[in-house]
Amino acid sequence: MIQYSAMDEPPSSRAQRRLWLIASLVFVFLWSLPNLTFPIGRDQALYCVIGQGVLNGQRPYVDLWYNRPPTTFLIFLAIVKVFGNVMWSVGVVDILWLLCMSYFIFRFADRYMGPVAAALAVAVNTVWHCVAGYVHALVPSTFVIFFVAAGFLLVWKEGMWTKLRHVGAGIMLGAAFWATYNALVFLPVLLCLPYLDFSGIDEQPRRVRWTIEWREWLPRAAALAAGFAAAGIGMIIYLRLIGAWEAFREINFEVMPGYVRLPIERTEEYWLWAIKETEYVVGLLTLIVMLGALLVARKKRELHRIVPVLLAAALGFFAAAMQVRFHAYYFETSYPFFAMVWGYMGVKAVGSFRTLARDCQAKGWRVASPLVWVLFANVLAWFAVDFYLISEARIRLLRAWWRNHEVAYVTYPWPHSLEHLKGELGVTRYLRENSTPHDKVFIWGTQPVIYFLSDRRAPTRFISNLGLISPWGPRAWQEELIRDLKKSPPLFLVVVRKDAIPSVSYTSRDSEKFLEVFPELAAFIAGSYRPVKTIENFVIHRRQSGSSPHCRQY
């Protein structure tokens, strides 16, 4: 196994490295504490509803529609079990996730770059994740990078129980795979990266050396494969035992391939669009820093320190990009490695200013030497001002949340453009006041948070209508919805306005407008329900007394 010490300084002692790690984690905890104020986004709410439903005896995919592999809902099952139906549960677990992820980032970056760059990487990743907001909290990509990082730490260091640790790493990769299938691109990180010596990459001819005998590596690879297979077989057995395998197979292997193809088929100049989205999501400055790090490392003969991180970043980026769409939260698989590159460049920048100041002093330029540090302070201030303003706003929000949770959510200053937080909470309150937990409720929209917070069940598995209004969803699903509603008509039916997601549904119609091309549902609502209240973009309909929608003919 190859390990590298800190850059530009003698190898740090174990105590020094521990100090940097502790300081990093303290920063992470303090800066992420306002994540407690995160509302639950629509994706996270879907996972919460499924977790809650499974606890109540429902089956994923069969009784609760879900278009992703099962790892995520199993994690949210535990979250709901521990915290119940509260908004702040996602924020709490997101903080815990970020602390664990920061430990992994520090260990990975310290291995190649040293503790100073590792600490900076932790800080950068923390700021990025928290500023990105609640949409990035506990999404499947965060679980993928978490499990991959945990697997890497199991295999990268020599010690006892080598094969058992590789089995554990395989199980971790399996858990990541069942969060999103693209997690398999990280297989080289677990199988190869720990055994590659990059020290020769700065020499001529450049070379990378394999540090382990094949007869030692193959049993480890077999143990990792065994762990991965065990995770896969275990998940399949679980889905079969609960009777969800056929529904899972239909959604994930028959329907979703069409969903994946649509952006390529319907986006003009897809590859040009992909490049523009990459620049927007990753950020032009980060792309420049990535290129700059490669050039600096080449000049200073430190490619052996930066290339492993760049390779991991490339895999993380590929894992996100291969999903075809460029949603920002997909790139949680690459942000930690981008942050490490920023950490490397941060250390190099400080070193460059220090060298310049010393050169000026050696040449007798007494005025120039302090001016170098004035310039450095101005560069630092460029980042520090934004950091201060964001920190101050986050602290104010935390104080407001502490005084009154609901008011803080309603007035949340950075809502996603498609979220209607005030309306969602208003509808939740109305349903809790005007129905019982035994009454069924149906939301014709993409706001499952209402089900979760109101603790009301839907009479159908379609707790989000994205699969019903999108061209990739089969017509049979719409027919199934109508049968479900007629069989068990809900007391309240909520129609949502201004919730169109064209990048997913490929229609500019919101849920209300879509009723124009879904006459069966429009007739069901018109014939058996009457509007009783409008809250923001939510029209609440109540079933008319004496009506029997399931007996009507259309």
Protein backbone atom coordinates (compact mmCIF):
# COMPACT_ATOMS: atom_id res chain seq x y z
CA MET A 1 0.00 0.00 0.00
CA ILE A 2 1.26 3.47 -0.87
CA GLN A 3 0.70 6.47 1.36
CA TYR A 4 1.90 10.01 0.91
CA SER A 5 2.72 12.62 3.52
CA ALA A 6 1.75 16.26 3.59
CA MET A 7 2.76 18.65 0.84
CA ASP A 8 5.53 21.17 1.29
CA GLU A 9 6.25 20.09 4.86
CA PRO A 10 7.75 17.18 6.78
CA PRO A 11 5.42 14.23 7.45
CA SER A 12 2.94 15.25 10.11
CA SER A 13 2.78 13.38 13.34
CA ARG A 14 -0.25 11.32 14.20
CA ALA A 15 -1.26 13.95 16.78
CA GLN A 16 -1.07 16.76 14.21
CA ARG A 17 -3.18 14.83 11.74
CA ARG A 18 -5.70 14.08 14.46
CA LEU A 19 -5.83 17.78 15.32
CA TRP A 20 -6.56 18.74 11.72
CA LEU A 21 -9.24 16.06 11.53
CA ILE A 22 -10.93 17.19 14.75
CA ALA A 23 -10.80 20.84 13.66
CA SER A 24 -12.37 19.86 10.34
CA LEU A 25 -15.21 17.95 11.95
CA VAL A 26 -15.89 20.78 14.41
CA PHE A 27 -16.22 23.14 11.44
CA VAL A 28 -18.53 20.69 9.67
CA PHE A 29 -20.81 20.37 12.69
CA LEU A 30 -21.05 24.10 13.33
CA TRP A 31 -21.55 25.09 9.72
CA SER A 32 -24.05 22.33 8.97
CA LEU A 33 -26.16 22.90 12.09
CA PRO A 34 -28.57 25.20 10.19
CA ASN A 35 -29.39 22.18 8.01
CA LEU A 36 -31.90 21.44 10.76
CA THR A 37 -34.06 24.07 9.05
CA PHE A 38 -34.18 22.13 5.77
CA PRO A 39 -37.71 21.46 4.54
CA ILE A 40 -38.34 18.03 3.04
CA GLY A 41 -37.99 18.14 -0.73
CA ARG A 42 -40.32 16.24 -3.02
CA ASP A 43 -37.89 13.38 -3.58
CA GLN A 44 -37.07 13.00 0.10
CA ALA A 45 -40.78 13.18 0.92
CA LEU A 46 -41.41 10.30 -1.48
CA TYR A 47 -38.80 8.23 0.33
CA CYS A 48 -40.35 9.16 3.69
CA VAL A 49 -43.83 8.09 2.57
CA ILE A 50 -42.47 4.76 1.33
CA GLY A 51 -40.50 4.19 4.53
CA GLN A 52 -43.57 5.01 6.58
CA GLY A 53 -45.74 2.76 4.40
CA VAL A 54 -43.40 -0.20 4.74
CA LEU A 55 -43.49 0.23 8.53
CA ASN A 56 -47.30 0.07 8.25
CA GLY A 57 -47.27 -3.11 6.17
CA GLN A 58 -47.31 -1.71 2.64
CA ARG A 59 -44.95 -2.94 -0.06
CA PRO A 60 -42.67 -0.74 -2.14
CA TYR A 61 -43.38 -0.73 -5.88
CA VAL A 62 -46.60 -2.75 -5.38
CA ASP A 63 -48.45 -0.49 -2.92
CA LEU A 64 -46.21 2.58 -3.22
CA TRP A 65 -44.90 3.66 -6.61
CA TYR A 66 -41.18 4.27 -6.73
CA ASN A 67 -38.82 4.48 -9.71
CA ARG A 68 -35.48 3.86 -8.02
CA PRO A 69 -33.67 0.86 -6.50
CA PRO A 70 -34.48 0.02 -2.87
CA THR A 71 -31.48 1.18 -0.77
CA THR A 72 -32.83 4.69 -0.37
CA PHE A 73 -36.26 3.74 0.94
CA LEU A 74 -34.68 1.26 3.38
CA ILE A 75 -32.55 4.07 4.80
CA PHE A 76 -35.57 6.36 5.05
CA LEU A 77 -37.51 3.54 6.69
CA ALA A 78 -35.01 3.74 9.54
CA ILE A 79 -35.22 7.56 9.60
CA VAL A 80 -39.02 7.51 9.87
CA LYS A 81 -38.88 4.76 12.49
CA VAL A 82 -36.56 6.86 14.67
CA PHE A 83 -37.98 10.36 14.15
CA GLY A 84 -41.58 9.87 13.06
CA ASN A 85 -43.52 12.32 10.87
CA VAL A 86 -41.45 15.46 11.38
CA MET A 87 -39.94 17.81 8.83
CA TRP A 88 -36.58 18.23 10.55
CA SER A 89 -35.66 14.52 10.47
CA VAL A 90 -33.97 14.85 7.08
CA GLY A 91 -31.87 17.78 8.31
CA VAL A 92 -30.68 15.86 11.37
CA VAL A 93 -29.60 12.82 9.37
CA ASP A 94 -28.05 15.03 6.70
CA ILE A 95 -25.79 16.54 9.36
CA LEU A 96 -24.79 13.08 10.56
CA TRP A 97 -24.16 11.97 6.98
CA LEU A 98 -22.01 15.03 6.33
CA LEU A 99 -19.92 14.39 9.43
CA CYS A 100 -19.25 10.79 8.35
CA MET A 101 -18.60 11.82 4.77
CA SER A 102 -16.18 14.51 5.95
CA TYR A 103 -14.22 11.90 7.87
CA PHE A 104 -13.97 9.80 4.68
CA ILE A 105 -12.91 12.84 2.65
CA PHE A 106 -10.21 13.72 5.15
CA ARG A 107 -8.80 10.20 5.19
CA PHE A 108 -8.79 9.92 1.39
CA ALA A 109 -7.26 13.35 0.80
CA ASP A 110 -4.72 12.97 3.61
CA ARG A 111 -3.53 9.72 2.06
CA TYR A 112 -2.36 11.52 -1.08
CA MET A 113 -2.12 15.22 -0.18
CA GLY A 114 -1.58 15.58 3.53
CA PRO A 115 -3.74 16.89 6.39
CA VAL A 116 -3.80 20.59 5.44
CA ALA A 117 -5.21 19.98 1.99
CA ALA A 118 -7.54 17.37 3.49
CA ALA A 119 -8.91 19.86 6.00
CA LEU A 120 -9.48 22.43 3.26
CA ALA A 121 -11.23 19.79 1.15
CA VAL A 122 -13.58 18.98 4.02
CA ALA A 123 -14.41 22.67 4.46
CA VAL A 124 -15.06 23.23 0.75
CA ASN A 125 -17.28 20.16 0.42
CA THR A 126 -19.23 21.14 3.53
CA VAL A 127 -19.91 24.64 2.25
CA TRP A 128 -20.94 23.35 -1.16
CA HIS A 129 -23.31 20.73 0.22
CA CYS A 130 -24.98 23.03 2.72
CA VAL A 131 -25.36 25.95 0.32
CA ALA A 132 -26.88 23.62 -2.29
CA GLY A 133 -29.79 23.28 0.13
CA TYR A 134 -32.36 20.68 1.02
CA VAL A 135 -32.67 19.35 -2.54
CA HIS A 136 -29.22 17.74 -2.07
CA ALA A 137 -29.96 16.30 1.36
CA LEU A 138 -29.97 12.48 1.51
CA VAL A 139 -30.50 11.91 -2.20
CA PRO A 140 -29.38 8.54 -3.65
CA SER A 141 -26.10 10.01 -4.92
CA THR A 142 -25.11 10.90 -1.36
CA PHE A 143 -25.61 7.30 -0.31
CA VAL A 144 -23.60 6.05 -3.29
CA ILE A 145 -20.53 8.11 -2.40
CA PHE A 146 -20.94 7.28 1.29
CA PHE A 147 -20.93 3.52 0.72
CA VAL A 148 -18.11 3.70 -1.82
CA ALA A 149 -15.98 5.77 0.59
CA ALA A 150 -16.70 3.33 3.42
CA GLY A 151 -15.69 0.45 1.16
CA PHE A 152 -12.46 2.18 0.20
CA LEU A 153 -11.47 2.67 3.83
CA LEU A 154 -12.05 -1.04 4.41
CA VAL A 155 -9.60 -2.11 1.69
CA TRP A 156 -6.96 0.62 1.45
CA LYS A 157 -4.98 -0.24 4.57
CA GLU A 158 -3.17 -3.47 5.30
CA GLY A 159 -4.02 -5.27 8.53
CA MET A 160 -5.95 -8.14 9.98
CA TRP A 161 -9.05 -9.72 8.47
CA THR A 162 -8.06 -8.73 4.92
CA LYS A 163 -10.54 -10.99 3.11
CA LEU A 164 -13.33 -10.20 5.53
CA ARG A 165 -12.77 -6.48 5.00
CA HIS A 166 -12.97 -7.00 1.24
CA VAL A 167 -16.23 -8.86 1.70
CA GLY A 168 -17.45 -5.84 3.66
CA ALA A 169 -16.30 -3.52 0.87
CA GLY A 170 -18.24 -5.64 -1.62
CA ILE A 171 -21.35 -5.33 0.52
CA MET A 172 -20.82 -1.56 0.62
CA LEU A 173 -20.58 -1.47 -3.18
CA GLY A 174 -23.72 -3.60 -3.35
CA ALA A 175 -25.57 -1.14 -1.12
CA ALA A 176 -24.39 1.70 -3.39
CA PHE A 177 -25.52 -0.28 -6.47
CA TRP A 178 -29.00 -0.69 -5.00
CA ALA A 179 -29.11 3.08 -4.46
CA THR A 180 -28.24 3.82 -8.10
CA TYR A 181 -26.93 1.28 -10.59
CA ASN A 182 -24.23 3.66 -11.85
CA ALA A 183 -22.35 3.07 -8.58
CA LEU A 184 -20.58 0.21 -10.38
CA VAL A 185 -18.27 2.74 -12.06
CA PHE A 186 -16.50 3.05 -8.69
CA LEU A 187 -15.38 -0.59 -8.80
CA PRO A 188 -11.81 0.41 -9.83
CA VAL A 189 -11.58 2.61 -6.72
CA LEU A 190 -12.03 -0.46 -4.54
CA LEU A 191 -10.23 -3.07 -6.65
CA CYS A 192 -7.29 -1.12 -8.09
CA LEU A 193 -6.63 2.29 -6.55
CA PRO A 194 -5.31 1.00 -3.19
CA TYR A 195 -2.64 -1.00 -5.01
CA LEU A 196 -1.36 1.63 -7.45
CA ASP A 197 1.89 3.48 -6.80
CA PHE A 198 1.83 6.78 -8.70
CA SER A 199 5.26 7.95 -7.53
CA GLY A 200 6.79 7.12 -10.93
CA ILE A 201 4.35 9.30 -12.84
CA ASP A 202 6.61 12.31 -12.31
CA GLU A 203 9.63 10.54 -13.82
CA GLN A 204 10.59 9.85 -17.43
CA PRO A 205 9.25 7.64 -18.77
CA ARG A 206 6.08 8.12 -16.74
CA ARG A 207 4.81 4.94 -15.15
CA VAL A 208 2.36 3.66 -12.56
CA ARG A 209 3.43 0.61 -10.58
CA TRP A 210 1.22 -2.26 -9.37
CA THR A 211 2.26 -2.91 -5.76
CA ILE A 212 0.75 -6.30 -5.01
CA GLU A 213 1.31 -9.80 -6.32
CA TRP A 214 -1.52 -11.15 -8.43
CA ARG A 215 -1.78 -14.25 -6.27
CA GLU A 216 -2.52 -11.95 -3.31
CA TRP A 217 -4.83 -9.62 -5.22
CA LEU A 218 -7.09 -12.25 -6.80
CA PRO A 219 -8.41 -13.68 -3.48
CA ARG A 220 -9.14 -10.13 -2.35
CA ALA A 221 -10.99 -9.39 -5.57
CA ALA A 222 -12.93 -12.65 -5.17
CA ALA A 223 -13.85 -11.72 -1.59
CA LEU A 224 -15.07 -8.30 -2.76
CA ALA A 225 -17.10 -9.93 -5.53
CA ALA A 226 -18.58 -12.34 -2.99
CA GLY A 227 -19.68 -9.44 -0.80
CA PHE A 228 -21.22 -7.65 -3.78
CA ALA A 229 -23.03 -10.82 -4.87
CA ALA A 230 -24.32 -11.39 -1.34
CA ALA A 231 -25.77 -7.86 -1.26
CA GLY A 232 -27.38 -8.35 -4.66
CA ILE A 233 -28.85 -11.77 -3.95
CA GLY A 234 -30.03 -10.64 -0.53
CA MET A 235 -31.92 -7.69 -2.03
CA ILE A 236 -33.53 -9.85 -4.71
CA ILE A 237 -34.62 -12.39 -2.09
CA TYR A 238 -36.08 -9.58 0.04
CA LEU A 239 -38.09 -8.19 -2.88
CA ARG A 240 -39.37 -11.65 -3.77
CA LEU A 241 -40.31 -12.48 -0.20
CA ILE A 242 -42.46 -9.36 0.11
CA GLY A 243 -43.99 -9.94 -3.34
CA ALA A 244 -42.51 -6.79 -4.89
CA TRP A 245 -40.09 -8.29 -7.41
CA GLU A 246 -42.40 -8.21 -10.45
CA ALA A 247 -43.45 -4.62 -9.84
CA PHE A 248 -39.82 -3.65 -9.22
CA ARG A 249 -38.73 -5.36 -12.43
CA GLU A 250 -41.45 -3.65 -14.47
CA ILE A 251 -40.59 -0.17 -13.22
CA ASN A 252 -36.80 -0.45 -13.26
CA PHE A 253 -36.10 -2.71 -16.22
CA GLU A 254 -39.08 -2.20 -18.57
CA VAL A 255 -40.24 1.38 -18.03
CA MET A 256 -37.17 3.29 -16.84
CA PRO A 257 -34.96 2.56 -19.89
CA GLY A 258 -37.44 4.66 -21.87
CA TYR A 259 -37.12 7.41 -19.27
CA VAL A 260 -33.33 7.34 -19.62
CA ARG A 261 -33.42 7.56 -23.43
CA LEU A 262 -35.74 10.56 -23.66
CA PRO A 263 -33.22 13.38 -23.08
CA ILE A 264 -31.00 12.09 -25.90
CA GLU A 265 -33.97 11.57 -28.22
CA ARG A 266 -35.71 14.87 -27.50
CA THR A 267 -32.87 17.32 -26.83
CA GLU A 268 -31.50 19.10 -29.86
CA GLU A 269 -27.70 19.05 -29.93
CA TYR A 270 -27.69 16.89 -26.82
CA TRP A 271 -23.91 16.82 -26.45
CA LEU A 272 -23.62 20.59 -26.69
CA TRP A 273 -26.38 20.85 -24.10
CA ALA A 274 -24.52 18.35 -21.88
CA ILE A 275 -21.36 20.47 -22.04
CA LYS A 276 -23.28 23.59 -21.07
CA GLU A 277 -25.00 21.77 -18.21
CA THR A 278 -21.65 20.50 -16.97
CA GLU A 279 -20.29 24.03 -16.88
CA TYR A 280 -23.39 25.23 -15.04
CA VAL A 281 -23.56 22.40 -12.49
CA VAL A 282 -19.86 21.96 -11.77
CA GLY A 283 -19.02 25.64 -12.15
CA LEU A 284 -16.56 27.28 -14.52
CA LEU A 285 -14.25 28.23 -11.66
CA THR A 286 -14.03 24.64 -10.46
CA LEU A 287 -13.25 23.44 -13.98
CA ILE A 288 -10.47 26.04 -14.18
CA VAL A 289 -9.15 24.94 -10.78
CA MET A 290 -9.12 21.31 -11.95
CA LEU A 291 -7.05 22.20 -15.00
CA GLY A 292 -4.84 24.50 -12.94
CA ALA A 293 -4.17 21.75 -10.40
CA LEU A 294 -3.04 19.42 -13.15
CA LEU A 295 -0.68 22.04 -14.59
CA VAL A 296 0.71 23.02 -11.19
CA ALA A 297 1.26 19.40 -10.19
CA ARG A 298 3.02 18.68 -13.46
CA LYS A 299 5.32 21.66 -13.04
CA LYS A 300 6.14 20.81 -9.42
CA ARG A 301 6.49 17.10 -10.16
CA GLU A 302 3.58 16.26 -7.88
CA LEU A 303 1.33 14.44 -10.31
CA HIS A 304 1.52 11.43 -7.99
CA ARG A 305 -0.42 13.47 -5.43
CA ILE A 306 -3.17 14.85 -7.65
CA VAL A 307 -3.71 12.14 -10.30
CA PRO A 308 -5.41 9.62 -7.93
CA VAL A 309 -7.86 12.32 -6.85
CA LEU A 310 -8.49 13.40 -10.44
CA LEU A 311 -9.14 9.80 -11.45
CA ALA A 312 -11.67 9.40 -8.63
CA ALA A 313 -13.24 12.73 -9.61
CA ALA A 314 -13.55 11.53 -13.21
CA LEU A 315 -15.30 8.36 -12.05
CA GLY A 316 -17.62 10.40 -9.84
CA PHE A 317 -18.42 12.72 -12.71
CA PHE A 318 -19.03 9.79 -15.05
CA ALA A 319 -21.33 8.20 -12.47
CA ALA A 320 -23.44 11.37 -12.52
CA ALA A 321 -23.28 12.12 -16.24
CA MET A 322 -24.21 8.58 -17.29
CA GLN A 323 -27.67 9.25 -15.85
CA VAL A 324 -28.09 11.39 -18.98
CA ARG A 325 -29.80 14.23 -17.11
CA PHE A 326 -27.64 16.78 -15.34
CA HIS A 327 -29.50 17.42 -12.11
CA ALA A 328 -27.08 19.10 -9.72
CA TYR A 329 -27.64 16.61 -6.91
CA TYR A 330 -26.45 13.76 -9.16
CA PHE A 331 -22.97 15.25 -8.84
CA GLU A 332 -22.73 14.55 -5.13
CA THR A 333 -20.70 11.57 -6.37
CA SER A 334 -17.99 13.94 -7.63
CA TYR A 335 -18.16 17.02 -5.38
CA PRO A 336 -15.97 15.50 -2.63
CA PHE A 337 -13.15 14.90 -5.12
CA PHE A 338 -13.55 18.34 -6.67
CA ALA A 339 -13.27 19.73 -3.14
CA MET A 340 -9.98 17.82 -2.68
CA VAL A 341 -8.58 19.52 -5.77
CA TRP A 342 -9.59 22.87 -4.28
CA GLY A 343 -7.80 21.84 -1.09
CA TYR A 344 -4.63 21.05 -3.07
CA MET A 345 -4.76 24.39 -4.89
CA GLY A 346 -5.45 26.23 -1.62
CA VAL A 347 -2.28 24.86 -0.07
CA LYS A 348 -0.33 25.65 -3.24
CA ALA A 349 -1.68 29.20 -3.33
CA VAL A 350 -0.58 29.88 0.26
CA GLY A 351 2.81 28.38 -0.51
CA SER A 352 3.20 30.56 -3.60
CA PHE A 353 2.43 33.75 -1.70
CA ARG A 354 4.83 32.69 1.06
CA THR A 355 7.60 32.04 -1.47
CA LEU A 356 6.97 35.34 -3.24
CA ALA A 357 7.10 37.26 0.05
CA ARG A 358 10.38 35.58 1.00
CA ASP A 359 11.88 36.35 -2.41
CA CYS A 360 10.92 40.00 -2.07
CA GLN A 361 12.43 40.15 1.40
CA ALA A 362 15.64 38.44 0.24
CA LYS A 363 16.04 41.03 -2.50
CA GLY A 364 15.62 43.85 -0.01
CA TRP A 365 12.23 44.94 -1.28
CA ARG A 366 10.88 45.87 2.12
CA VAL A 367 7.65 47.39 0.85
CA ALA A 368 6.90 44.62 -1.65
CA SER A 369 7.00 41.82 0.91
CA PRO A 370 4.04 43.04 3.01
CA LEU A 371 2.20 44.05 -0.17
CA VAL A 372 2.26 40.41 -1.22
CA TRP A 373 0.28 39.52 1.89
CA VAL A 374 -2.06 42.45 1.28
CA LEU A 375 -2.76 40.96 -2.14
CA PHE A 376 -3.31 37.57 -0.55
CA ALA A 377 -5.75 39.11 1.95
CA ASN A 378 -7.72 40.64 -0.91
CA VAL A 379 -7.94 37.31 -2.72
CA LEU A 380 -9.06 35.66 0.51
CA ALA A 381 -11.62 38.42 1.13
CA TRP A 382 -13.20 37.66 -2.23
CA PHE A 383 -14.29 34.30 -0.82
CA ALA A 384 -14.63 35.40 2.80
CA VAL A 385 -17.30 38.06 2.14
CA ASP A 386 -19.67 35.57 0.52
CA PHE A 387 -18.88 33.04 3.24
CA TYR A 388 -19.73 35.56 5.96
CA LEU A 389 -22.99 36.69 4.34
CA ILE A 390 -24.18 33.13 3.80
CA SER A 391 -23.16 32.12 7.32
CA GLU A 392 -24.99 35.07 8.84
CA ALA A 393 -28.16 34.30 6.84
CA ARG A 394 -28.02 30.63 7.86
CA ILE A 395 -27.63 31.55 11.53
CA ARG A 396 -30.64 33.89 11.33
CA LEU A 397 -32.66 31.09 9.77
CA LEU A 398 -31.63 28.67 12.53
CA ARG A 399 -32.75 31.16 15.17
CA ALA A 400 -36.10 31.62 13.41
CA TRP A 401 -36.53 27.85 13.18
CA TRP A 402 -35.75 27.44 16.86
CA ARG A 403 -38.49 29.95 17.74
CA ASN A 404 -41.14 28.48 15.42
CA HIS A 405 -40.52 25.56 13.07
CA GLU A 406 -43.55 26.05 10.83
CA VAL A 407 -43.02 29.78 10.32
CA ALA A 408 -39.41 29.10 9.40
CA TYR A 409 -40.47 26.54 6.81
CA VAL A 410 -43.17 28.77 5.34
CA THR A 411 -40.74 31.68 5.02
CA TYR A 412 -37.74 29.56 3.98
CA PRO A 413 -35.56 31.95 1.97
CA TRP A 414 -34.13 29.48 -0.57
CA PRO A 415 -36.99 27.25 -1.76
CA HIS A 416 -36.65 25.23 -4.91
CA SER A 417 -38.47 26.92 -7.79
CA LEU A 418 -40.92 24.00 -8.04
CA GLU A 419 -41.69 23.81 -4.33
CA HIS A 420 -44.77 25.38 -2.74
CA LEU A 421 -43.82 25.10 0.92
CA LYS A 422 -46.48 27.43 2.28
CA GLY A 423 -49.20 25.69 0.31
CA GLU A 424 -48.00 22.21 1.24
CA LEU A 425 -48.05 23.03 4.94
CA GLY A 426 -51.43 24.74 4.60
CA VAL A 427 -52.97 21.70 2.90
CA THR A 428 -51.40 19.43 5.52
CA ARG A 429 -52.97 21.45 8.31
CA TYR A 430 -56.37 21.47 6.57
CA LEU A 431 -56.35 17.68 6.07
CA ARG A 432 -55.37 17.00 9.66
CA GLU A 433 -58.19 19.26 10.90
CA ASN A 434 -60.88 17.92 8.57
CA SER A 435 -60.17 14.20 8.31
CA THR A 436 -59.05 11.25 10.41
CA PRO A 437 -56.03 8.98 9.87
CA HIS A 438 -58.44 6.36 8.52
CA ASP A 439 -59.65 8.64 5.72
CA LYS A 440 -57.99 8.30 2.33
CA VAL A 441 -56.52 11.31 0.55
CA PHE A 442 -55.22 11.63 -3.01
CA ILE A 443 -52.81 14.29 -4.26
CA TRP A 444 -52.92 14.77 -8.02
CA GLY A 445 -49.43 16.22 -8.21
CA THR A 446 -45.88 15.64 -7.01
CA GLN A 447 -46.11 16.67 -3.36
CA PRO A 448 -45.89 13.46 -1.29
CA VAL A 449 -44.78 15.56 1.69
CA ILE A 450 -48.49 16.17 2.29
CA TYR A 451 -49.10 12.45 2.79
CA PHE A 452 -46.13 12.23 5.12
CA LEU A 453 -46.83 15.21 7.37
CA SER A 454 -50.61 14.69 7.49
CA ASP A 455 -50.20 10.94 8.13
CA ARG A 456 -52.85 10.15 5.52
CA ARG A 457 -52.77 7.29 3.04
CA ALA A 458 -53.53 7.34 -0.66
CA PRO A 459 -56.00 4.82 -2.18
CA THR A 460 -53.46 4.07 -4.91
CA ARG A 461 -49.75 3.33 -5.17
CA PHE A 462 -49.19 6.47 -7.27
CA ILE A 463 -48.15 8.90 -4.54
CA SER A 464 -46.50 11.00 -7.25
CA ASN A 465 -48.06 11.49 -10.67
CA LEU A 466 -44.83 11.81 -12.66
CA GLY A 467 -45.16 8.29 -14.05
CA LEU A 468 -48.77 9.04 -15.03
CA ILE A 469 -48.24 12.28 -16.96
CA SER A 470 -44.94 11.43 -18.67
CA PRO A 471 -44.52 9.79 -22.10
CA TRP A 472 -42.26 7.15 -20.54
CA GLY A 473 -45.08 5.96 -18.25
CA PRO A 474 -47.35 3.23 -19.75
CA ARG A 475 -51.01 4.00 -20.38
CA ALA A 476 -51.87 1.03 -18.16
CA TRP A 477 -50.78 3.04 -15.12
CA GLN A 478 -53.44 5.68 -15.79
CA GLU A 479 -56.05 2.96 -16.10
CA GLU A 480 -54.81 1.44 -12.85
CA LEU A 481 -55.15 4.80 -11.10
CA ILE A 482 -58.78 5.19 -12.19
CA ARG A 483 -59.61 1.67 -11.00
CA ASP A 484 -57.99 2.38 -7.62
CA LEU A 485 -59.88 5.64 -7.15
CA LYS A 486 -63.22 4.08 -8.07
CA LYS A 487 -62.61 1.12 -5.80
CA SER A 488 -61.65 3.26 -2.82
CA PRO A 489 -62.65 6.89 -3.42
CA PRO A 490 -60.68 9.26 -1.17
CA LEU A 491 -62.43 11.73 1.11
CA PHE A 492 -60.27 14.56 -0.21
CA LEU A 493 -58.67 14.91 -3.63
CA VAL A 494 -56.13 17.71 -4.09
CA VAL A 495 -55.27 19.07 -7.54
CA VAL A 496 -51.98 20.93 -7.81
CA ARG A 497 -51.17 23.92 -10.00
CA LYS A 498 -47.80 25.19 -11.22
CA ASP A 499 -45.92 21.95 -10.58
CA ALA A 500 -44.76 21.10 -14.09
CA ILE A 501 -41.31 19.47 -14.35
CA PRO A 502 -40.65 19.35 -18.12
CA SER A 503 -37.15 17.92 -17.64
CA VAL A 504 -38.73 14.79 -16.16
CA SER A 505 -42.32 14.63 -17.46
CA TYR A 506 -41.66 16.17 -20.90
CA THR A 507 -44.83 18.21 -20.71
CA SER A 508 -45.28 21.88 -19.88
CA ARG A 509 -48.71 21.17 -18.43
CA ASP A 510 -49.01 21.28 -14.68
CA SER A 511 -51.16 18.69 -12.93
CA GLU A 512 -54.33 20.77 -13.24
CA LYS A 513 -53.80 21.43 -16.95
CA PHE A 514 -52.98 17.78 -17.57
CA LEU A 515 -56.58 16.89 -16.69
CA GLU A 516 -57.44 18.28 -20.13
CA VAL A 517 -55.71 15.26 -21.68
CA PHE A 518 -56.71 12.81 -18.97
CA PRO A 519 -60.51 12.92 -19.32
CA GLU A 520 -61.13 9.84 -17.18
CA LEU A 521 -59.67 11.50 -14.10
CA ALA A 522 -61.29 14.86 -14.92
CA ALA A 523 -64.70 13.13 -15.17
CA PHE A 524 -64.11 11.26 -11.91
CA ILE A 525 -63.38 14.52 -10.08
CA ALA A 526 -66.21 16.51 -11.70
CA GLY A 527 -68.79 13.79 -11.10
CA SER A 528 -68.06 12.98 -7.47
CA TYR A 529 -66.21 15.89 -5.88
CA ARG A 530 -66.68 19.57 -5.23
CA PRO A 531 -63.96 22.14 -4.54
CA VAL A 532 -64.04 23.27 -0.92
CA LYS A 533 -60.86 25.29 -0.50
CA THR A 534 -57.91 26.70 -2.43
CA ILE A 535 -54.61 27.14 -0.61
CA GLU A 536 -51.89 28.73 -2.70
CA ASN A 537 -51.53 26.40 -5.72
CA PHE A 538 -53.58 23.58 -4.24
CA VAL A 539 -57.29 23.09 -4.98
CA ILE A 540 -58.86 20.80 -2.37
CA HIS A 541 -61.91 18.78 -3.48
CA ARG A 542 -64.16 16.88 -1.09
CA ARG A 543 -66.22 13.84 -2.01
CA GLN A 544 -69.88 14.70 -2.24
CA SER A 545 -72.02 12.95 0.32
CA GLY A 546 -73.96 10.01 -1.08
CA SER A 547 -71.82 9.75 -4.20
CA SER A 548 -70.46 6.37 -5.21
CA PRO A 549 -67.74 7.06 -7.78
CA HIS A 550 -66.86 3.41 -8.10
CA CYS A 551 -70.36 2.67 -9.43
CA ARG A 552 -70.48 5.40 -12.06
CA GLN A 553 -70.08 4.68 -15.76
CA TYR A 554 -68.02 6.98 -18.00
